Amino acid sequence: MRSAILVMTVALTLMIGQVQSEPTKTDVGPGRIAWFDITTTNLPQSEEFYGKLFDWKFTSLQGTKHAVEIVALDTAIGTLRVAEGQISAFNGVVYVQVTDIRASCQKSKELGGTVAPGFPFNLFDGKGAIAVVLDPAGHPVGLYSRTPLPSEKPPAK
């Protein structure tokens, strides 16, 4: 039950967040970390903490006061966003770049993982697609492809 709630929470957070942030446009290569999200219950406090710890800068995201983009050395690397409810060990999501998001989702299933409901989907700006999979132990991992999913055309009548 907890696993199902976790999957839905991650899926909803990312679907809502799709208009707020996106994985990096830099091609980091398959199998490498492309983007990450950190959640917090106190955005100003977390900005101060991470800003001083890592010398990160933060930029506002259009349309929300509940998330900011993390910038390191003039490159957007992730988001810091307000969590709904209590923070758990699963609130942060790391996105690993893949070449083919559908093939990676399928491979995840073959290896005993689960694709979170509602995934994969294209980023709102057409700059790629994301998915969240749960490993066999239930830990979420994000997948990011620089290639958007092809548009699905309605069946011919």
Protein backbone atom coordinates (compact mmCIF):
# COMPACT_ATOMS: atom_id res chain seq x y z
CA MET A 1 0.00 0.00 0.00
CA ARG A 2 2.78 2.45 0.92
CA SER A 3 4.49 1.68 -2.38
CA ALA A 4 1.32 2.51 -4.34
CA ILE A 5 0.89 5.79 -2.45
CA LEU A 6 4.53 6.63 -3.08
CA VAL A 7 4.19 5.96 -6.80
CA MET A 8 1.10 8.14 -7.04
CA THR A 9 2.74 10.94 -5.04
CA VAL A 10 5.84 10.90 -7.24
CA ALA A 11 3.74 10.75 -10.41
CA LEU A 12 1.46 13.60 -9.38
CA THR A 13 4.36 15.75 -8.21
CA LEU A 14 6.16 15.26 -11.50
CA MET A 15 3.08 15.74 -13.65
CA ILE A 16 2.28 18.99 -11.86
CA GLY A 17 5.94 19.93 -11.96
CA GLN A 18 6.22 19.33 -15.69
CA VAL A 19 5.12 22.88 -16.33
CA GLN A 20 7.55 24.18 -13.73
CA SER A 21 10.85 22.52 -14.54
CA GLU A 22 12.57 20.29 -17.00
CA PRO A 23 15.66 18.12 -17.15
CA THR A 24 18.77 19.79 -18.44
CA LYS A 25 19.11 20.43 -22.16
CA THR A 26 22.79 19.50 -22.00
CA ASP A 27 23.51 16.08 -23.44
CA VAL A 28 25.28 14.33 -20.57
CA GLY A 29 25.15 10.92 -22.28
CA PRO A 30 23.18 7.76 -21.55
CA GLY A 31 23.57 6.36 -18.06
CA ARG A 32 24.64 9.69 -16.53
CA ILE A 33 22.71 11.94 -14.17
CA ALA A 34 20.81 14.54 -16.20
CA TRP A 35 18.63 16.30 -13.58
CA PHE A 36 17.43 16.00 -9.98
CA ASP A 37 14.74 17.32 -7.69
CA ILE A 38 15.13 18.03 -3.98
CA THR A 39 12.02 18.51 -1.88
CA THR A 40 11.69 20.65 1.23
CA THR A 41 9.11 21.87 3.69
CA ASN A 42 10.82 25.28 3.94
CA LEU A 43 11.96 26.70 0.59
CA PRO A 44 13.77 29.83 1.90
CA GLN A 45 15.67 27.80 4.52
CA SER A 46 16.70 25.18 1.95
CA GLU A 47 17.81 27.86 -0.52
CA GLU A 48 20.05 29.34 2.16
CA PHE A 49 21.42 25.93 3.21
CA TYR A 50 22.23 24.64 -0.29
CA GLY A 51 23.34 28.04 -1.52
CA LYS A 52 25.94 28.26 1.22
CA LEU A 53 26.87 24.57 1.14
CA PHE A 54 27.39 24.21 -2.63
CA ASP A 55 27.42 27.85 -3.82
CA TRP A 56 24.25 27.16 -5.81
CA LYS A 57 22.12 30.00 -7.12
CA PHE A 58 18.34 29.81 -7.52
CA THR A 59 16.07 31.25 -10.17
CA SER A 60 12.32 31.61 -10.00
CA LEU A 61 10.14 29.34 -12.07
CA GLN A 62 7.32 30.98 -13.94
CA GLY A 63 3.90 30.16 -12.55
CA THR A 64 4.89 28.95 -9.07
CA LYS A 65 6.20 30.17 -5.76
CA HIS A 66 6.66 26.56 -4.60
CA ALA A 67 9.77 25.70 -6.61
CA VAL A 68 13.00 27.24 -7.84
CA GLU A 69 15.53 26.09 -10.38
CA ILE A 70 18.98 25.16 -9.02
CA VAL A 71 21.84 26.77 -10.95
CA ALA A 72 25.49 25.74 -10.58
CA LEU A 73 28.21 27.48 -12.57
CA ASP A 74 25.56 29.10 -14.82
CA THR A 75 23.94 25.73 -15.64
CA ALA A 76 20.49 24.64 -14.49
CA ILE A 77 20.95 21.27 -12.78
CA GLY A 78 17.68 20.60 -10.95
CA THR A 79 14.85 21.99 -8.88
CA LEU A 80 14.23 22.64 -5.22
CA ARG A 81 10.50 22.27 -4.57
CA VAL A 82 8.08 22.33 -1.69
CA ALA A 83 6.94 18.84 -0.68
CA GLU A 84 3.38 18.09 0.17
CA GLY A 85 3.36 16.56 3.62
CA GLN A 86 6.29 15.13 5.49
CA ILE A 87 9.65 14.55 3.82
CA SER A 88 10.58 10.91 3.33
CA ALA A 89 13.67 9.19 2.01
CA PHE A 90 11.93 8.93 -1.39
CA ASN A 91 11.10 12.61 -1.94
CA GLY A 92 14.13 13.40 -4.09
CA VAL A 93 14.26 12.06 -7.64
CA VAL A 94 17.39 11.64 -9.75
CA TYR A 95 16.92 11.49 -13.55
CA VAL A 96 19.30 9.31 -15.54
CA GLN A 97 19.62 10.05 -19.26
CA VAL A 98 18.57 7.21 -21.58
CA THR A 99 18.56 6.91 -25.35
CA ASP A 100 15.10 5.36 -25.77
CA ILE A 101 12.66 6.03 -22.94
CA ARG A 102 10.10 3.41 -23.99
CA ALA A 103 12.77 0.72 -24.33
CA SER A 104 14.19 1.67 -20.92
CA CYS A 105 10.73 1.47 -19.32
CA GLN A 106 10.23 -1.96 -20.88
CA LYS A 107 13.65 -3.15 -19.72
CA SER A 108 12.83 -1.92 -16.20
CA LYS A 109 9.69 -4.10 -16.21
CA GLU A 110 11.64 -7.11 -17.49
CA LEU A 111 14.10 -6.65 -14.61
CA GLY A 112 11.33 -6.63 -11.98
CA GLY A 113 10.72 -2.88 -11.83
CA THR A 114 7.49 -0.95 -12.24
CA VAL A 115 6.73 2.09 -14.37
CA ALA A 116 4.86 4.70 -12.32
CA PRO A 117 1.33 5.42 -13.54
CA GLY A 118 1.09 8.24 -16.05
CA PHE A 119 4.64 7.77 -17.37
CA PRO A 120 6.38 8.25 -19.71
CA PHE A 121 5.31 11.63 -21.05
CA ASN A 122 6.80 14.48 -23.07
CA LEU A 123 8.08 17.60 -21.40
CA PHE A 124 5.86 20.57 -22.07
CA ASP A 125 8.44 22.35 -24.23
CA GLY A 126 9.07 19.39 -26.56
CA LYS A 127 12.68 19.02 -25.38
CA GLY A 128 12.43 15.38 -24.37
CA ALA A 129 10.45 12.93 -22.30
CA ILE A 130 10.57 11.66 -18.73
CA ALA A 131 9.46 8.59 -16.82
CA VAL A 132 9.70 7.36 -13.26
CA VAL A 133 10.33 3.70 -12.57
CA LEU A 134 10.48 1.88 -9.28
CA ASP A 135 13.24 -0.64 -8.82
CA PRO A 136 12.32 -4.08 -7.41
CA ALA A 137 12.80 -2.70 -3.87
CA GLY A 138 10.38 0.17 -4.59
CA HIS A 139 12.89 3.05 -4.91
CA PRO A 140 11.96 5.60 -7.61
CA VAL A 141 14.43 6.56 -10.33
CA GLY A 142 13.72 9.09 -13.06
CA LEU A 143 14.51 8.47 -16.71
CA TYR A 144 15.13 11.35 -19.12
CA SER A 145 15.38 11.15 -22.89
CA ARG A 146 16.37 14.11 -25.01
CA THR A 147 14.06 12.71 -27.70
CA PRO A 148 10.33 13.33 -27.19
CA LEU A 149 7.89 10.47 -27.57
CA PRO A 150 6.37 10.40 -31.06
CA SER A 151 2.94 11.98 -31.30
CA GLU A 152 0.30 9.33 -31.25
CA LYS A 153 -2.18 9.82 -34.03
CA PRO A 154 -5.78 8.79 -33.52
CA PRO A 155 -6.71 5.54 -35.32
CA ALA A 156 -8.04 6.01 -38.84
CA LYS A 157 -11.81 5.66 -39.16
